[in-house]
Amino acid sequence: MDGTEVKSFAEPDEVREFPNGKVELLKIGGGVVGRATFEPGWRWSDSLQSIAGTDSCEAPHFQYHVSGVLKILTDEGTVLECKAGDVSLLPVGHDAWVVGDEPVVVVDFQGMSDFAVPG
């Protein structure tokens, strides 16, 4: 890494909006960190499947869950429920949705550069 960098989600490099959510991206240290906000009612297969053009989410994720509850169903049938304070590692091939009335906020260190990008 060349030098020292500090960036803030208060001034993201890019914002991608989609039904019931958005992702804010910071380009830092040669990588991309994303903060996703999913509103109640958001589900990947409803909000992003038509944008991605795939049957399930093909972006891997390594994420810290800031708020809300996110349920995840992998293509292999594993079900996870992630809440604030959890860290999750997800391979490609999954669906996810918000559980309850609180928005889900996650900070993702791996898969957001291709998230919500037309396939």
Protein backbone atom coordinates (compact mmCIF):
# COMPACT_ATOMS: atom_id res chain seq x y z
CA MET A 1 0.00 0.00 0.00
CA ASP A 2 1.32 3.43 -0.92
CA GLY A 3 0.89 5.94 1.87
CA THR A 4 -1.92 6.44 4.29
CA GLU A 5 -5.56 7.02 3.40
CA VAL A 6 -8.67 7.97 5.28
CA LYS A 7 -12.10 8.04 3.65
CA SER A 8 -15.61 8.48 4.96
CA PHE A 9 -18.97 7.10 3.96
CA ALA A 10 -20.18 10.70 4.45
CA GLU A 11 -18.53 11.31 1.06
CA PRO A 12 -18.61 8.01 -0.87
CA ASP A 13 -16.86 7.66 -4.21
CA GLU A 14 -19.97 6.08 -5.71
CA VAL A 15 -23.58 5.41 -4.72
CA ARG A 16 -25.73 2.74 -6.36
CA GLU A 17 -29.44 2.87 -5.58
CA PHE A 18 -31.93 0.07 -6.19
CA PRO A 19 -35.44 -0.80 -4.93
CA ASN A 20 -35.49 -0.62 -1.11
CA GLY A 21 -31.79 -0.01 -0.76
CA LYS A 22 -28.46 1.44 -1.76
CA VAL A 23 -24.76 0.73 -1.59
CA GLU A 24 -22.13 3.39 -0.98
CA LEU A 25 -18.60 2.63 -2.17
CA LEU A 26 -15.20 3.82 -1.00
CA LYS A 27 -12.14 3.10 -3.13
CA ILE A 28 -9.24 2.81 -0.73
CA GLY A 29 -5.93 0.95 -0.53
CA GLY A 30 -6.40 -0.51 -4.00
CA GLY A 31 -9.71 -2.10 -2.99
CA VAL A 32 -13.35 -1.26 -2.51
CA VAL A 33 -15.30 -1.15 0.75
CA GLY A 34 -19.07 -0.92 0.54
CA ARG A 35 -21.75 0.09 3.00
CA ALA A 36 -25.11 -1.35 2.05
CA THR A 37 -28.41 -0.20 3.49
CA PHE A 38 -31.40 -2.47 2.96
CA GLU A 39 -34.83 -1.19 4.00
CA PRO A 40 -37.57 -3.42 5.43
CA GLY A 41 -39.07 -5.39 2.55
CA TRP A 42 -35.75 -5.63 0.66
CA ARG A 43 -34.86 -9.00 -0.80
CA TRP A 44 -32.01 -9.63 -3.24
CA SER A 45 -34.18 -11.76 -5.55
CA ASP A 46 -36.83 -9.01 -5.71
CA SER A 47 -34.60 -5.91 -5.83
CA LEU A 48 -31.43 -6.98 -7.63
CA GLN A 49 -31.94 -10.25 -9.51
CA SER A 50 -33.20 -8.47 -12.63
CA ILE A 51 -30.24 -6.04 -12.47
CA ALA A 52 -27.65 -8.81 -11.97
CA GLY A 53 -29.22 -11.15 -14.52
CA THR A 54 -28.35 -14.21 -12.42
CA ASP A 55 -30.46 -16.72 -10.48
CA SER A 56 -28.77 -15.80 -7.18
CA CYS A 57 -26.24 -13.27 -5.90
CA GLU A 58 -22.88 -14.09 -7.45
CA ALA A 59 -20.88 -11.61 -5.35
CA PRO A 60 -18.94 -13.10 -2.44
CA HIS A 61 -19.23 -11.13 0.78
CA PHE A 62 -17.08 -10.62 3.86
CA GLN A 63 -19.16 -8.26 5.92
CA TYR A 64 -19.73 -6.70 9.31
CA HIS A 65 -23.38 -6.33 10.29
CA VAL A 66 -24.00 -2.87 11.78
CA SER A 67 -27.77 -3.02 12.31
CA GLY A 68 -30.90 -5.01 11.58
CA VAL A 69 -31.38 -8.70 10.86
CA LEU A 70 -30.43 -10.23 7.50
CA LYS A 71 -31.48 -13.76 6.61
CA ILE A 72 -29.40 -15.55 3.98
CA LEU A 73 -30.18 -18.71 2.01
CA THR A 74 -27.25 -20.22 0.10
CA ASP A 75 -27.75 -22.19 -3.10
CA GLU A 76 -26.70 -25.30 -1.13
CA GLY A 77 -29.59 -24.77 1.32
CA THR A 78 -27.72 -23.30 4.30
CA VAL A 79 -29.77 -20.69 6.17
CA LEU A 80 -28.06 -17.98 8.22
CA GLU A 81 -29.53 -15.16 10.27
CA CYS A 82 -27.08 -12.32 10.85
CA LYS A 83 -27.62 -9.49 13.31
CA ALA A 84 -25.77 -6.41 14.52
CA GLY A 85 -22.27 -7.29 15.69
CA ASP A 86 -21.95 -10.39 13.50
CA VAL A 87 -19.32 -10.91 10.82
CA SER A 88 -20.28 -13.15 7.90
CA LEU A 89 -18.41 -14.75 5.03
CA LEU A 90 -20.63 -15.72 2.10
CA PRO A 91 -19.62 -17.55 -1.05
CA VAL A 92 -21.20 -16.82 -4.40
CA GLY A 93 -24.70 -18.22 -4.83
CA HIS A 94 -27.17 -16.92 -2.26
CA ASP A 95 -30.34 -14.90 -1.67
CA ALA A 96 -30.82 -12.54 1.28
CA TRP A 97 -33.61 -10.48 2.81
CA VAL A 98 -34.40 -8.11 5.66
CA VAL A 99 -36.19 -9.62 8.65
CA GLY A 100 -38.38 -7.25 10.67
CA ASP A 101 -38.93 -3.51 10.60
CA GLU A 102 -35.36 -2.26 11.12
CA PRO A 103 -33.12 -1.41 8.16
CA VAL A 104 -30.10 -3.65 7.68
CA VAL A 105 -26.73 -1.94 7.36
CA VAL A 106 -23.62 -3.96 6.50
CA VAL A 107 -20.05 -2.94 5.75
CA ASP A 108 -18.60 -5.28 3.14
CA PHE A 109 -14.88 -5.70 2.53
CA GLN A 110 -15.03 -8.09 -0.42
CA GLY A 111 -17.95 -8.22 -2.83
CA MET A 112 -19.37 -4.75 -3.30
CA SER A 113 -17.40 -3.66 -6.35
CA ASP A 114 -19.71 -5.82 -8.52
CA PHE A 115 -22.86 -5.46 -6.39
CA ALA A 116 -25.93 -3.93 -8.10
CA VAL A 117 -24.10 -3.75 -11.44
CA PRO A 118 -26.05 -4.85 -14.52
CA GLY A 119 -24.99 -8.34 -15.60
